[in-house]
Amino acid sequence: MITGSGGKEEAYMNKIANRYQTSHDKNIKSAMFQFRHYASIMNLSRQCKDLVKEIYSKAETTGKLKGKSFESKIAATIYMASKMCGRPKNLRELIEICR
Protein backbone atom coordinates (compact mmCIF):
# COMPACT_ATOMS: atom_id res chain seq x y z
CA MET A 1 0.00 0.00 0.00
CA ILE A 2 1.12 3.48 -0.78
CA THR A 3 0.29 6.08 1.83
CA GLY A 4 0.43 9.77 1.33
CA SER A 5 -1.70 12.82 1.16
CA GLY A 6 -4.75 10.93 -0.03
CA GLY A 7 -7.01 11.80 -2.86
CA LYS A 8 -7.15 10.53 -6.40
CA GLU A 9 -3.39 10.06 -6.83
CA GLU A 10 -3.15 7.72 -3.85
CA ALA A 11 -6.15 5.67 -4.99
CA TYR A 12 -4.68 5.41 -8.48
CA MET A 13 -1.26 4.31 -7.20
CA ASN A 14 -2.86 1.69 -4.92
CA LYS A 15 -4.85 0.37 -7.87
CA ILE A 16 -1.66 0.00 -9.91
CA ALA A 17 0.18 -1.67 -7.01
CA ASN A 18 -2.66 -4.17 -6.53
CA ARG A 19 -2.63 -5.01 -10.22
CA TYR A 20 0.93 -6.30 -10.01
CA GLN A 21 0.45 -8.50 -6.94
CA THR A 22 0.66 -12.24 -7.46
CA SER A 23 -2.18 -14.53 -6.43
CA HIS A 24 0.04 -15.80 -3.62
CA ASP A 25 0.38 -12.28 -2.22
CA LYS A 26 -3.35 -11.65 -2.55
CA ASN A 27 -4.16 -14.91 -0.74
CA ILE A 28 -1.85 -14.10 2.16
CA LYS A 29 -3.17 -10.53 2.37
CA SER A 30 -6.80 -11.64 2.52
CA ALA A 31 -5.98 -14.45 4.96
CA MET A 32 -4.30 -12.03 7.34
CA PHE A 33 -7.31 -9.71 7.17
CA GLN A 34 -9.67 -12.59 7.98
CA PHE A 35 -7.31 -13.94 10.63
CA ARG A 36 -7.31 -10.63 12.53
CA HIS A 37 -11.09 -10.93 12.78
CA TYR A 38 -10.92 -14.50 14.14
CA ALA A 39 -8.07 -13.65 16.52
CA SER A 40 -10.07 -10.84 18.11
CA ILE A 41 -13.02 -13.17 18.67
CA MET A 42 -10.85 -15.91 20.22
CA ASN A 43 -8.55 -13.63 22.28
CA LEU A 44 -5.31 -15.12 20.98
CA SER A 45 -2.01 -14.04 22.50
CA ARG A 46 0.50 -11.99 20.51
CA GLN A 47 2.89 -14.96 20.33
CA CYS A 48 0.12 -17.16 18.96
CA LYS A 49 -0.89 -14.56 16.38
CA ASP A 50 2.67 -14.30 15.09
CA LEU A 51 2.95 -18.08 14.93
CA VAL A 52 -0.29 -18.35 12.93
CA LYS A 53 0.99 -15.82 10.42
CA GLU A 54 4.26 -17.69 10.07
CA ILE A 55 2.61 -21.11 9.69
CA TYR A 56 0.07 -19.84 7.15
CA SER A 57 2.72 -18.09 5.11
CA LYS A 58 4.91 -21.21 5.01
CA ALA A 59 1.94 -23.43 4.12
CA GLU A 60 0.95 -21.14 1.25
CA THR A 61 4.53 -20.92 -0.02
CA THR A 62 5.06 -24.68 -0.02
CA GLY A 63 1.57 -25.48 -1.29
CA LYS A 64 0.84 -27.95 1.51
CA LEU A 65 -2.76 -26.78 1.88
CA LYS A 66 -3.48 -26.40 -1.82
CA GLY A 67 -7.04 -27.23 -2.76
CA LYS A 68 -8.45 -26.65 0.72
CA SER A 69 -11.02 -23.99 1.45
CA PHE A 70 -9.90 -20.60 2.70
CA GLU A 71 -11.65 -20.96 6.07
CA SER A 72 -10.28 -24.45 6.67
CA LYS A 73 -6.72 -23.24 6.03
CA ILE A 74 -7.12 -20.49 8.60
CA ALA A 75 -8.80 -22.80 11.13
CA ALA A 76 -6.05 -25.41 10.74
CA THR A 77 -3.27 -22.89 11.26
CA ILE A 78 -5.00 -21.36 14.29
CA TYR A 79 -5.47 -24.82 15.78
CA MET A 80 -1.81 -25.75 15.21
CA ALA A 81 -0.43 -22.47 16.55
CA SER A 82 -2.61 -22.51 19.67
CA LYS A 83 -1.45 -26.03 20.50
CA MET A 84 2.18 -25.03 19.96
CA CYS A 85 1.73 -22.00 22.24
CA GLY A 86 0.37 -24.18 25.03
CA ARG A 87 -3.14 -22.69 24.92
CA PRO A 88 -5.05 -25.13 22.72
CA LYS A 89 -8.40 -24.05 21.38
CA ASN A 90 -11.35 -26.38 21.20
CA LEU A 91 -11.91 -27.72 17.70
CA ARG A 92 -15.65 -27.20 18.00
CA GLU A 93 -15.06 -23.54 18.87
CA LEU A 94 -12.90 -23.11 15.78
CA ILE A 95 -15.49 -24.76 13.55
CA GLU A 96 -18.19 -22.50 14.97
CA ILE A 97 -16.15 -19.35 14.37
CA CYS A 98 -14.73 -20.27 10.97
CA ARG A 99 -17.78 -22.20 9.70
PDB file of N, CA and C in Angstrom:
ATOM      1  N   MET A   1       0.822  -1.176   0.000  1.00  0.00           N
ATOM      2  CA  MET A   1       0.000   0.000   0.000  1.00  0.00           C
ATOM      3  C   MET A   1       0.871   1.246   0.000  1.00  0.00           C
ATOM      4  N   ILE A   2       0.421   2.212  -0.713  1.00  0.00           N
ATOM      5  CA  ILE A   2       1.125   3.484  -0.776  1.00  0.00           C
ATOM      6  C   ILE A   2       0.321   4.478   0.037  1.00  0.00           C
ATOM      7  N   THR A   3       0.987   5.095   1.001  1.00  0.00           N
ATOM      8  CA  THR A   3       0.291   6.078   1.827  1.00  0.00           C
ATOM      9  C   THR A   3       0.837   7.451   1.511  1.00  0.00           C
ATOM     10  N   GLY A   4       0.001   8.409   1.653  1.00  0.00           N
ATOM     11  CA  GLY A   4       0.433   9.767   1.334  1.00  0.00           C
ATOM     12  C   GLY A   4      -0.634  10.759   1.713  1.00  0.00           C
ATOM     13  N   SER A   5      -0.767  11.734   0.871  1.00  0.00           N
ATOM     14  CA  SER A   5      -1.696  12.823   1.165  1.00  0.00           C
ATOM     15  C   SER A   5      -3.142  12.439   0.924  1.00  0.00           C
ATOM     16  N   GLY A   6      -3.377  11.342   0.244  1.00  0.00           N
ATOM     17  CA  GLY A   6      -4.747  10.928  -0.028  1.00  0.00           C
ATOM     18  C   GLY A   6      -5.204  11.426  -1.373  1.00  0.00           C
ATOM     19  N   GLY A   7      -6.462  11.291  -1.628  1.00  0.00           N
ATOM     20  CA  GLY A   7      -7.014  11.796  -2.865  1.00  0.00           C
ATOM     21  C   GLY A   7      -6.912  10.818  -4.006  1.00  0.00           C
ATOM     22  N   LYS A   8      -7.096  11.346  -5.193  1.00  0.00           N
ATOM     23  CA  LYS A   8      -7.154  10.526  -6.397  1.00  0.00           C
ATOM     24  C   LYS A   8      -5.809   9.890  -6.741  1.00  0.00           C
ATOM     25  N   GLU A   9      -4.713  10.614  -6.494  1.00  0.00           N
ATOM     26  CA  GLU A   9      -3.394  10.059  -6.828  1.00  0.00           C
ATOM     27  C   GLU A   9      -3.091   8.817  -6.011  1.00  0.00           C
ATOM     28  N   GLU A  10      -3.415   8.862  -4.723  1.00  0.00           N
ATOM     29  CA  GLU A  10      -3.148   7.720  -3.855  1.00  0.00           C
ATOM     30  C   GLU A  10      -4.004   6.525  -4.269  1.00  0.00           C
ATOM     31  N   ALA A  11      -5.259   6.751  -4.563  1.00  0.00           N
ATOM     32  CA  ALA A  11      -6.146   5.667  -4.994  1.00  0.00           C
ATOM     33  C   ALA A  11      -5.646   5.057  -6.297  1.00  0.00           C
ATOM     34  N   TYR A  12      -5.193   5.889  -7.215  1.00  0.00           N
ATOM     35  CA  TYR A  12      -4.679   5.406  -8.482  1.00  0.00           C
ATOM     36  C   TYR A  12      -3.410   4.575  -8.289  1.00  0.00           C
ATOM     37  N   MET A  13      -2.495   5.044  -7.447  1.00  0.00           N
ATOM     38  CA  MET A  13      -1.256   4.309  -7.196  1.00  0.00           C
ATOM     39  C   MET A  13      -1.536   2.970  -6.500  1.00  0.00           C
ATOM     40  N   ASN A  14      -2.498   2.949  -5.574  1.00  0.00           N
ATOM     41  CA  ASN A  14      -2.864   1.689  -4.922  1.00  0.00           C
ATOM     42  C   ASN A  14      -3.465   0.712  -5.916  1.00  0.00           C
ATOM     43  N   LYS A  15      -4.247   1.211  -6.847  1.00  0.00           N
ATOM     44  CA  LYS A  15      -4.846   0.365  -7.874  1.00  0.00           C
ATOM     45  C   LYS A  15      -3.752  -0.263  -8.741  1.00  0.00           C
ATOM     46  N   ILE A  16      -2.768   0.522  -9.106  1.00  0.00           N
ATOM     47  CA  ILE A  16      -1.658   0.005  -9.912  1.00  0.00           C
ATOM     48  C   ILE A  16      -0.854  -1.023  -9.120  1.00  0.00           C
ATOM     49  N   ALA A  17      -0.588  -0.738  -7.840  1.00  0.00           N
ATOM     50  CA  ALA A  17       0.181  -1.667  -7.012  1.00  0.00           C
ATOM     51  C   ALA A  17      -0.562  -2.989  -6.854  1.00  0.00           C
ATOM     52  N   ASN A  18      -1.870  -2.947  -6.673  1.00  0.00           N
ATOM     53  CA  ASN A  18      -2.657  -4.170  -6.527  1.00  0.00           C
ATOM     54  C   ASN A  18      -2.686  -4.981  -7.815  1.00  0.00           C
ATOM     55  N   ARG A  19      -2.598  -4.325  -8.939  1.00  0.00           N
ATOM     56  CA  ARG A  19      -2.631  -5.007 -10.223  1.00  0.00           C
ATOM     57  C   ARG A  19      -1.425  -5.920 -10.403  1.00  0.00           C
ATOM     58  N   TYR A  20      -0.298  -5.545  -9.822  1.00  0.00           N
ATOM     59  CA  TYR A  20       0.934  -6.304 -10.008  1.00  0.00           C
ATOM     60  C   TYR A  20       1.215  -7.303  -8.880  1.00  0.00           C
ATOM     61  N   GLN A  21       0.273  -7.499  -7.983  1.00  0.00           N
ATOM     62  CA  GLN A  21       0.445  -8.501  -6.941  1.00  0.00           C
ATOM     63  C   GLN A  21       0.168  -9.887  -7.514  1.00  0.00           C
ATOM     64  N   THR A  22       0.917 -10.866  -7.043  1.00  0.00           N
ATOM     65  CA  THR A  22       0.664 -12.239  -7.459  1.00  0.00           C
ATOM     66  C   THR A  22      -0.523 -12.792  -6.680  1.00  0.00           C
ATOM     67  N   SER A  23      -1.057 -13.913  -7.137  1.00  0.00           N
ATOM     68  CA  SER A  23      -2.183 -14.526  -6.430  1.00  0.00           C
ATOM     69  C   SER A  23      -1.747 -14.993  -5.041  1.00  0.00           C
ATOM     70  N   HIS A  24      -0.499 -15.392  -4.918  1.00  0.00           N
ATOM     71  CA  HIS A  24       0.037 -15.802  -3.620  1.00  0.00           C
ATOM     72  C   HIS A  24      -0.029 -14.634  -2.635  1.00  0.00           C
ATOM     73  N   ASP A  25       0.405 -13.464  -3.078  1.00  0.00           N
ATOM     74  CA  ASP A  25       0.375 -12.279  -2.219  1.00  0.00           C
ATOM     75  C   ASP A  25      -1.047 -11.893  -1.852  1.00  0.00           C
ATOM     76  N   LYS A  26      -1.949 -11.982  -2.816  1.00  0.00           N
ATOM     77  CA  LYS A  26      -3.348 -11.652  -2.554  1.00  0.00           C
ATOM     78  C   LYS A  26      -3.964 -12.622  -1.551  1.00  0.00           C
ATOM     79  N   ASN A  27      -3.632 -13.915  -1.674  1.00  0.00           N
ATOM     80  CA  ASN A  27      -4.155 -14.912  -0.739  1.00  0.00           C
ATOM     81  C   ASN A  27      -3.678 -14.648   0.681  1.00  0.00           C
ATOM     82  N   ILE A  28      -2.402 -14.357   0.828  1.00  0.00           N
ATOM     83  CA  ILE A  28      -1.854 -14.099   2.159  1.00  0.00           C
ATOM     84  C   ILE A  28      -2.447 -12.820   2.736  1.00  0.00           C
ATOM     85  N   LYS A  29      -2.606 -11.799   1.914  1.00  0.00           N
ATOM     86  CA  LYS A  29      -3.171 -10.534   2.375  1.00  0.00           C
ATOM     87  C   LYS A  29      -4.605 -10.727   2.863  1.00  0.00           C
ATOM     88  N   SER A  30      -5.412 -11.422   2.101  1.00  0.00           N
ATOM     89  CA  SER A  30      -6.803 -11.635   2.517  1.00  0.00           C
ATOM     90  C   SER A  30      -6.895 -12.569   3.703  1.00  0.00           C
ATOM     91  N   ALA A  31      -5.991 -13.548   3.805  1.00  0.00           N
ATOM     92  CA  ALA A  31      -5.982 -14.451   4.958  1.00  0.00           C
ATOM     93  C   ALA A  31      -5.629 -13.695   6.234  1.00  0.00           C
ATOM     94  N   MET A  32      -4.677 -12.786   6.155  1.00  0.00           N
ATOM     95  CA  MET A  32      -4.296 -12.027   7.336  1.00  0.00           C
ATOM     96  C   MET A  32      -5.421 -11.097   7.788  1.00  0.00           C
ATOM     97  N   PHE A  33      -6.156 -10.556   6.833  1.00  0.00           N
ATOM     98  CA  PHE A  33      -7.306  -9.713   7.172  1.00  0.00           C
ATOM     99  C   PHE A  33      -8.366 -10.535   7.902  1.00  0.00           C
ATOM    100  N   GLN A  34      -8.669 -11.718   7.365  1.00  0.00           N
ATOM    101  CA  GLN A  34      -9.667 -12.590   7.980  1.00  0.00           C
ATOM    102  C   GLN A  34      -9.165 -13.113   9.326  1.00  0.00           C
ATOM    103  N   PHE A  35      -7.886 -13.419   9.397  1.00  0.00           N
ATOM    104  CA  PHE A  35      -7.314 -13.940  10.634  1.00  0.00           C
ATOM    105  C   PHE A  35      -7.427 -12.927  11.768  1.00  0.00           C
ATOM    106  N   ARG A  36      -7.188 -11.651  11.478  1.00  0.00           N
ATOM    107  CA  ARG A  36      -7.311 -10.628  12.525  1.00  0.00           C
ATOM    108  C   ARG A  36      -8.712 -10.628  13.133  1.00  0.00           C
ATOM    109  N   HIS A  37      -9.711 -10.857  12.299  1.00  0.00           N
ATOM    110  CA  HIS A  37     -11.086 -10.930  12.779  1.00  0.00           C
ATOM    111  C   HIS A  37     -11.269 -12.129  13.718  1.00  0.00           C
ATOM    112  N   TYR A  38     -10.788 -13.296  13.301  1.00  0.00           N
ATOM    113  CA  TYR A  38     -10.921 -14.500  14.140  1.00  0.00           C
ATOM    114  C   TYR A  38     -10.114 -14.379  15.424  1.00  0.00           C
ATOM    115  N   ALA A  39      -8.926 -13.784  15.341  1.00  0.00           N
ATOM    116  CA  ALA A  39      -8.070 -13.649  16.522  1.00  0.00           C
ATOM    117  C   ALA A  39      -8.711 -12.758  17.575  1.00  0.00           C
ATOM    118  N   SER A  40      -9.410 -11.722  17.134  1.00  0.00           N
ATOM    119  CA  SER A  40     -10.067 -10.844  18.106  1.00  0.00           C
ATOM    120  C   SER A  40     -11.226 -11.561  18.792  1.00  0.00           C
ATOM    121  N   ILE A  41     -11.920 -12.409  18.076  1.00  0.00           N
ATOM    122  CA  ILE A  41     -13.022 -13.174  18.670  1.00  0.00           C
ATOM    123  C   ILE A  41     -12.498 -14.185  19.684  1.00  0.00           C
ATOM    124  N   MET A  42     -11.366 -14.825  19.378  1.00  0.00           N
ATOM    125  CA  MET A  42     -10.851 -15.910  20.218  1.00  0.00           C
ATOM    126  C   MET A  42      -9.836 -15.454  21.256  1.00  0.00           C
ATOM    127  N   ASN A  43      -9.509 -14.180  21.304  1.00  0.00           N
ATOM    128  CA  ASN A  43      -8.552 -13.634  22.278  1.00  0.00           C
ATOM    129  C   ASN A  43      -7.220 -14.382  22.261  1.00  0.00           C
ATOM    130  N   LEU A  44      -6.601 -14.452  21.105  1.00  0.00           N
ATOM    131  CA  LEU A  44      -5.309 -15.118  20.977  1.00  0.00           C
ATOM    132  C   LEU A  44      -4.190 -14.210  21.473  1.00  0.00           C
ATOM    133  N   SER A  45      -3.148 -14.813  22.032  1.00  0.00           N
ATOM    134  CA  SER A  45      -2.005 -14.040  22.502  1.00  0.00           C
ATOM    135  C   SER A  45      -1.188 -13.539  21.312  1.00  0.00           C
ATOM    136  N   ARG A  46      -0.344 -12.571  21.566  1.00  0.00           N
ATOM    137  CA  ARG A  46       0.503 -11.991  20.513  1.00  0.00           C
ATOM    138  C   ARG A  46       1.433 -13.047  19.921  1.00  0.00           C
ATOM    139  N   GLN A  47       1.991 -13.902  20.779  1.00  0.00           N
ATOM    140  CA  GLN A  47       2.886 -14.960  20.334  1.00  0.00           C
ATOM    141  C   GLN A  47       2.140 -15.919  19.403  1.00  0.00           C
ATOM    142  N   CYS A  48       0.932 -16.251  19.760  1.00  0.00           N
ATOM    143  CA  CYS A  48       0.125 -17.165  18.958  1.00  0.00           C
ATOM    144  C   CYS A  48      -0.247 -16.535  17.620  1.00  0.00           C
ATOM    145  N   LYS A  49      -0.554 -15.260  17.625  1.00  0.00           N
ATOM    146  CA  LYS A  49      -0.889 -14.557  16.381  1.00  0.00           C
ATOM    147  C   LYS A  49       0.294 -14.577  15.414  1.00  0.00           C
ATOM    148  N   ASP A  50       1.478 -14.295  15.939  1.00  0.00           N
ATOM    149  CA  ASP A  50       2.668 -14.296  15.092  1.00  0.00           C
ATOM    150  C   ASP A  50       2.945 -15.687  14.535  1.00  0.00           C
ATOM    151  N   LEU A  51       2.722 -16.702  15.358  1.00  0.00           N
ATOM    152  CA  LEU A  51       2.952 -18.077  14.925  1.00  0.00           C
ATOM    153  C   LEU A  51       1.959 -18.481  13.839  1.00  0.00           C
ATOM    154  N   VAL A  52       0.719 -18.055  13.961  1.00  0.00           N
ATOM    155  CA  VAL A  52      -0.285 -18.351  12.932  1.00  0.00           C
ATOM    156  C   VAL A  52       0.129 -17.728  11.605  1.00  0.00           C
ATOM    157  N   LYS A  53       0.573 -16.492  11.648  1.00  0.00           N
ATOM    158  CA  LYS A  53       0.994 -15.819  10.421  1.00  0.00           C
ATOM    159  C   LYS A  53       2.159 -16.553   9.771  1.00  0.00           C
ATOM    160  N   GLU A  54       3.100 -16.983  10.585  1.00  0.00           N
ATOM    161  CA  GLU A  54       4.265 -17.695  10.072  1.00  0.00           C
ATOM    162  C   GLU A  54       3.877 -19.041   9.470  1.00  0.00           C
ATOM    163  N   ILE A  55       3.035 -19.795  10.177  1.00  0.00           N
ATOM    164  CA  ILE A  55       2.608 -21.107   9.694  1.00  0.00           C
ATOM    165  C   ILE A  55       1.819 -20.969   8.398  1.00  0.00           C
ATOM    166  N   TYR A  56       0.890 -20.019   8.355  1.00  0.00           N
ATOM    167  CA  TYR A  56       0.071 -19.845   7.150  1.00  0.00           C
ATOM    168  C   TYR A  56       0.932 -19.442   5.957  1.00  0.00           C
ATOM    169  N   SER A  57       1.848 -18.536   6.191  1.00  0.00           N
ATOM    170  CA  SER A  57       2.720 -18.087   5.110  1.00  0.00           C
ATOM    171  C   SER A  57       3.561 -19.242   4.561  1.00  0.00           C
ATOM    172  N   LYS A  58       4.110 -20.061   5.457  1.00  0.00           N
ATOM    173  CA  LYS A  58       4.908 -21.209   5.013  1.00  0.00           C
ATOM    174  C   LYS A  58       4.049 -22.227   4.272  1.00  0.00           C
ATOM    175  N   ALA A  59       2.830 -22.461   4.766  1.00  0.00           N
ATOM    176  CA  ALA A  59       1.943 -23.429   4.122  1.00  0.00           C
ATOM    177  C   ALA A  59       1.537 -22.957   2.722  1.00  0.00           C
ATOM    178  N   GLU A  60       1.296 -21.678   2.566  1.00  0.00           N
ATOM    179  CA  GLU A  60       0.949 -21.136   1.251  1.00  0.00           C
ATOM    180  C   GLU A  60       2.137 -21.205   0.302  1.00  0.00           C
ATOM    181  N   THR A  61       3.327 -20.909   0.813  1.00  0.00           N
ATOM    182  CA  THR A  61       4.526 -20.918  -0.018  1.00  0.00           C
ATOM    183  C   THR A  61       4.847 -22.315  -0.521  1.00  0.00           C
ATOM    184  N   THR A  62       4.730 -23.302   0.370  1.00  0.00           N
ATOM    185  CA  THR A  62       5.063 -24.675  -0.019  1.00  0.00           C
ATOM    186  C   THR A  62       3.920 -25.381  -0.730  1.00  0.00           C
ATOM    187  N   GLY A  63       2.713 -24.863  -0.619  1.00  0.00           N
ATOM    188  CA  GLY A  63       1.574 -25.476  -1.293  1.00  0.00           C
ATOM    189  C   GLY A  63       1.003 -26.673  -0.560  1.00  0.00           C
ATOM    190  N   LYS A  64       1.303 -26.804   0.719  1.00  0.00           N
ATOM    191  CA  LYS A  64       0.837 -27.953   1.505  1.00  0.00           C
ATOM    192  C   LYS A  64      -0.680 -27.984   1.654  1.00  0.00           C
ATOM    193  N   LEU A  65      -1.313 -26.821   1.680  1.00  0.00           N
ATOM    194  CA  LEU A  65      -2.763 -26.776   1.875  1.00  0.00           C
ATOM    195  C   LEU A  65      -3.501 -26.458   0.581  1.00  0.00           C
ATOM    196  N   LYS A  66      -2.872 -26.729  -0.538  1.00  0.00           N
ATOM    197  CA  LYS A  66      -3.477 -26.401  -1.821  1.00  0.00           C
ATOM    198  C   LYS A  66      -4.748 -27.225  -2.032  1.00  0.00           C
ATOM    199  N   GLY A  67      -5.777 -26.552  -2.492  1.00  0.00           N
ATOM    200  CA  GLY A  67      -7.040 -27.226  -2.759  1.00  0.00           C
ATOM    201  C   GLY A  67      -8.007 -27.212  -1.598  1.00  0.00           C
ATOM    202  N   LYS A  68      -7.571 -26.740  -0.451  1.00  0.00           N
ATOM    203  CA  LYS A  68      -8.448 -26.648   0.717  1.00  0.00           C
ATOM    204  C   LYS A  68      -9.163 -25.310   0.707  1.00  0.00           C
ATOM    205  N   SER A  69     -10.284 -25.252   1.402  1.00  0.00           N
ATOM    206  CA  SER A  69     -11.022 -23.990   1.450  1.00  0.00           C
ATOM    207  C   SER A  69     -10.266 -22.977   2.295  1.00  0.00           C
ATOM    208  N   PHE A  70     -10.558 -21.717   2.026  1.00  0.00           N
ATOM    209  CA  PHE A  70      -9.897 -20.602   2.703  1.00  0.00           C
ATOM    210  C   PHE A  70     -10.101 -20.683   4.210  1.00  0.00           C
ATOM    211  N   GLU A  71     -11.342 -20.914   4.640  1.00  0.00           N
ATOM    212  CA  GLU A  71     -11.653 -20.963   6.071  1.00  0.00           C
ATOM    213  C   GLU A  71     -10.988 -22.146   6.752  1.00  0.00           C
ATOM    214  N   SER A  72     -10.908 -23.284   6.054  1.00  0.00           N
ATOM    215  CA  SER A  72     -10.279 -24.450   6.670  1.00  0.00           C
ATOM    216  C   SER A  72      -8.775 -24.262   6.826  1.00  0.00           C
ATOM    217  N   LYS A  73      -8.150 -23.542   5.902  1.00  0.00           N
ATOM    218  CA  LYS A  73      -6.717 -23.244   6.032  1.00  0.00           C
ATOM    219  C   LYS A  73      -6.467 -22.394   7.274  1.00  0.00           C
ATOM    220  N   ILE A  74      -7.286 -21.377   7.453  1.00  0.00           N
ATOM    221  CA  ILE A  74      -7.116 -20.487   8.599  1.00  0.00           C
ATOM    222  C   ILE A  74      -7.395 -21.234   9.898  1.00  0.00           C
ATOM    223  N   ALA A  75      -8.461 -22.036   9.919  1.00  0.00           N
ATOM    224  CA  ALA A  75      -8.803 -22.799  11.125  1.00  0.00           C
ATOM    225  C   ALA A  75      -7.689 -23.778  11.483  1.00  0.00           C
ATOM    226  N   ALA A  76      -7.126 -24.441  10.485  1.00  0.00           N
ATOM    227  CA  ALA A  76      -6.052 -25.407  10.743  1.00  0.00           C
ATOM    228  C   ALA A  76      -4.812 -24.717  11.309  1.00  0.00           C
ATOM    229  N   THR A  77      -4.458 -23.569  10.757  1.00  0.00           N
ATOM    230  CA  THR A  77      -3.269 -22.889  11.261  1.00  0.00           C
ATOM    231  C   THR A  77      -3.499 -22.314  12.661  1.00  0.00           C
ATOM    232  N   ILE A  78      -4.703 -21.831  12.938  1.00  0.00           N
ATOM    233  CA  ILE A  78      -5.003 -21.356  14.294  1.00  0.00           C
ATOM    234  C   ILE A  78      -4.938 -22.509  15.284  1.00  0.00           C
ATOM    235  N   TYR A  79      -5.482 -23.643  14.904  1.00  0.00           N
ATOM    236  CA  TYR A  79      -5.469 -24.822  15.778  1.00  0.00           C
ATOM    237  C   TYR A  79      -4.031 -25.261  16.074  1.00  0.00           C
ATOM    238  N   MET A  80      -3.199 -25.327  15.034  1.00  0.00           N
ATOM    239  CA  MET A  80      -1.807 -25.746  15.215  1.00  0.00           C
ATOM    240  C   MET A  80      -1.037 -24.761  16.094  1.00  0.00           C
ATOM    241  N   ALA A  81      -1.183 -23.482  15.815  1.00  0.00           N
ATOM    242  CA  ALA A  81      -0.433 -22.468  16.550  1.00  0.00           C
ATOM    243  C   ALA A  81      -0.857 -22.418  18.013  1.00  0.00           C
ATOM    244  N   SER A  82      -2.156 -22.554  18.284  1.00  0.00           N
ATOM    245  CA  SER A  82      -2.607 -22.506  19.675  1.00  0.00           C
ATOM    246  C   SER A  82      -2.107 -23.710  20.459  1.00  0.00           C
ATOM    247  N   LYS A  83      -2.018 -24.861  19.821  1.00  0.00           N
ATOM    248  CA  LYS A  83      -1.447 -26.032  20.495  1.00  0.00           C
ATOM    249  C   LYS A  83       0.041 -25.840  20.765  1.00  0.00           C
ATOM    250  N   MET A  84       0.747 -25.245  19.797  1.00  0.00           N
ATOM    251  CA  MET A  84       2.181 -25.028  19.961  1.00  0.00           C
ATOM    252  C   MET A  84       2.470 -23.981  21.031  1.00  0.00           C
ATOM    253  N   CYS A  85       1.564 -23.038  21.225  1.00  0.00           N
ATOM    254  CA  CYS A  85       1.729 -21.998  22.242  1.00  0.00           C
ATOM    255  C   CYS A  85       1.338 -22.479  23.636  1.00  0.00           C
ATOM    256  N   GLY A  86       0.755 -23.651  23.721  1.00  0.00           N
ATOM    257  CA  GLY A  86       0.371 -24.176  25.025  1.00  0.00           C
ATOM    258  C   GLY A  86      -1.005 -23.727  25.486  1.00  0.00           C
ATOM    259  N   ARG A  87      -1.770 -23.115  24.596  1.00  0.00           N
ATOM    260  CA  ARG A  87      -3.140 -22.686  24.919  1.00  0.00           C
ATOM    261  C   ARG A  87      -4.075 -23.225  23.845  1.00  0.00           C
ATOM    262  N   PRO A  88      -4.257 -24.541  23.813  1.00  0.00           N
ATOM    263  CA  PRO A  88      -5.048 -25.127  22.724  1.00  0.00           C
ATOM    264  C   PRO A  88      -6.494 -24.659  22.736  1.00  0.00           C
ATOM    265  N   LYS A  89      -7.008 -24.443  21.553  1.00  0.00           N
ATOM    266  CA  LYS A  89      -8.400 -24.054  21.380  1.00  0.00           C
ATOM    267  C   LYS A  89      -9.212 -25.294  21.052  1.00  0.00           C
ATOM    268  N   ASN A  90     -10.449 -25.284  21.466  1.00  0.00           N
ATOM    269  CA  ASN A  90     -11.354 -26.380  21.205  1.00  0.00           C
ATOM    270  C   ASN A  90     -11.670 -26.410  19.708  1.00  0.00           C
ATOM    271  N   LEU A  91     -11.650 -27.596  19.124  1.00  0.00           N
ATOM    272  CA  LEU A  91     -11.908 -27.725  17.697  1.00  0.00           C
ATOM    273  C   LEU A  91     -13.337 -27.318  17.353  1.00  0.00           C
ATOM    274  N   ARG A  92     -14.260 -27.598  18.230  1.00  0.00           N
ATOM    275  CA  ARG A  92     -15.655 -27.200  17.998  1.00  0.00           C
ATOM    276  C   ARG A  92     -15.795 -25.673  17.977  1.00  0.00           C
ATOM    277  N   GLU A  93     -15.048 -25.007  18.841  1.00  0.00           N
ATOM    278  CA  GLU A  93     -15.062 -23.543  18.875  1.00  0.00           C
ATOM    279  C   GLU A  93     -14.541 -22.974  17.556  1.00  0.00           C
ATOM    280  N   LEU A  94     -13.458 -23.563  17.050  1.00  0.00           N
ATOM    281  CA  LEU A  94     -12.898 -23.112  15.779  1.00  0.00           C
ATOM    282  C   LEU A  94     -13.872 -23.321  14.634  1.00  0.00           C
ATOM    283  N   ILE A  95     -14.530 -24.463  14.617  1.00  0.00           N
ATOM    284  CA  ILE A  95     -15.489 -24.760  13.554  1.00  0.00           C
ATOM    285  C   ILE A  95     -16.646 -23.767  13.604  1.00  0.00           C
ATOM    286  N   GLU A  96     -17.091 -23.446  14.800  1.00  0.00           N
ATOM    287  CA  GLU A  96     -18.190 -22.499  14.970  1.00  0.00           C
ATOM    288  C   GLU A  96     -17.814 -21.108  14.450  1.00  0.00           C
ATOM    289  N   ILE A  97     -16.598 -20.680  14.769  1.00  0.00           N
ATOM    290  CA  ILE A  97     -16.152 -19.346  14.369  1.00  0.00           C
ATOM    291  C   ILE A  97     -15.854 -19.285  12.871  1.00  0.00           C
ATOM    292  N   CYS A  98     -15.154 -20.287  12.366  1.00  0.00           N
ATOM    293  CA  CYS A  98     -14.729 -20.273  10.969  1.00  0.00           C
ATOM    294  C   CYS A  98     -15.744 -20.878  10.006  1.00  0.00           C
ATOM    295  N   ARG A  99     -16.743 -21.542  10.523  1.00  0.00           N
ATOM    296  CA  ARG A  99     -17.778 -22.199   9.702  1.00  0.00           C
ATOM    297  C   ARG A  99     -17.190 -23.305   8.874  1.00  0.00           C
TER     298      ARG A  99
END
